[in-house]
Amino acid sequence: MNNPDPHRQTPPPRQAGRGAVVIIAIVVAVIVAIFVLRQFWHADEQQEDPASISAPAQQGEGQAPAEQ
């Protein structure tokens, strides 16, 4: 019971809000950086192995059966 009136609590300082915005901005920047760097890595992988980007053979593999 250190706080006699819990309804008279003061709001957090503005610096706490700024800190939250900075942390959120850093997390978003890290996520975007990971996504962009992964795209560059994936492009390098495809350049090294061009066969990995060719279309699958049209011999029926991986296709749904035709309706009769």
Protein backbone atom coordinates (compact mmCIF):
# COMPACT_ATOMS: atom_id res chain seq x y z
CA MET A 1 0.00 0.00 0.00
CA ASN A 2 2.75 2.43 -0.88
CA ASN A 3 0.49 4.15 -3.40
CA PRO A 4 -2.56 5.57 -1.60
CA ASP A 5 -4.46 6.63 -4.75
CA PRO A 6 -3.79 4.40 -7.78
CA HIS A 7 -5.97 6.67 -9.98
CA ARG A 8 -3.55 9.60 -9.69
CA GLN A 9 -0.65 7.92 -11.43
CA THR A 10 1.37 10.16 -13.68
CA PRO A 11 1.93 9.12 -17.30
CA PRO A 12 5.36 7.82 -18.26
CA PRO A 13 7.89 10.43 -19.37
CA ARG A 14 8.10 11.35 -23.05
CA GLN A 15 11.52 9.78 -23.27
CA ALA A 16 9.95 6.38 -22.65
CA GLY A 17 7.76 6.87 -25.72
CA ARG A 18 10.72 7.92 -27.81
CA GLY A 19 12.64 4.89 -26.59
CA ALA A 20 9.80 2.60 -27.63
CA VAL A 21 9.72 4.19 -31.10
CA VAL A 22 13.48 3.76 -31.47
CA ILE A 23 13.31 0.10 -30.45
CA ILE A 24 10.45 -0.58 -32.87
CA ALA A 25 12.33 1.20 -35.67
CA ILE A 26 15.44 -0.90 -35.02
CA VAL A 27 13.45 -4.15 -35.04
CA VAL A 28 11.72 -3.19 -38.31
CA ALA A 29 15.08 -2.21 -39.86
CA VAL A 30 16.59 -5.57 -38.89
CA ILE A 31 13.64 -7.47 -40.38
CA VAL A 32 13.82 -5.49 -43.63
CA ALA A 33 17.60 -5.95 -43.82
CA ILE A 34 17.28 -9.71 -43.37
CA PHE A 35 14.61 -9.88 -46.09
CA VAL A 36 16.62 -7.77 -48.56
CA LEU A 37 19.90 -9.60 -47.90
CA ARG A 38 18.15 -12.96 -48.30
CA GLN A 39 16.86 -11.82 -51.70
CA PHE A 40 20.42 -10.99 -52.79
CA TRP A 41 21.67 -14.35 -51.49
CA HIS A 42 18.86 -16.18 -53.31
CA ALA A 43 19.68 -14.35 -56.56
CA ASP A 44 23.33 -15.45 -56.21
CA GLU A 45 22.25 -19.05 -55.65
CA GLN A 46 20.13 -18.98 -58.81
CA GLN A 47 22.97 -17.52 -60.86
CA GLU A 48 25.27 -20.30 -59.69
CA ASP A 49 22.70 -23.01 -60.53
CA PRO A 50 20.53 -21.87 -63.47
CA ALA A 51 18.88 -25.30 -63.67
CA SER A 52 17.16 -24.58 -60.37
CA ILE A 53 15.00 -21.88 -61.97
CA SER A 54 13.85 -23.82 -65.03
CA ALA A 55 10.23 -24.86 -65.33
CA PRO A 56 9.34 -28.44 -64.36
CA ALA A 57 8.88 -30.99 -67.12
CA GLN A 58 5.37 -31.26 -68.52
CA GLN A 59 5.28 -35.04 -68.17
CA GLY A 60 2.57 -35.14 -65.57
CA GLU A 61 4.81 -34.96 -62.54
CA GLY A 62 3.35 -32.77 -59.83
CA GLN A 63 0.16 -32.08 -61.73
CA ALA A 64 -3.36 -32.83 -60.62
CA PRO A 65 -5.05 -35.69 -62.48
CA ALA A 66 -7.24 -34.62 -65.38
CA GLU A 67 -10.98 -34.78 -64.88
CA GLN A 68 -12.76 -37.38 -66.97
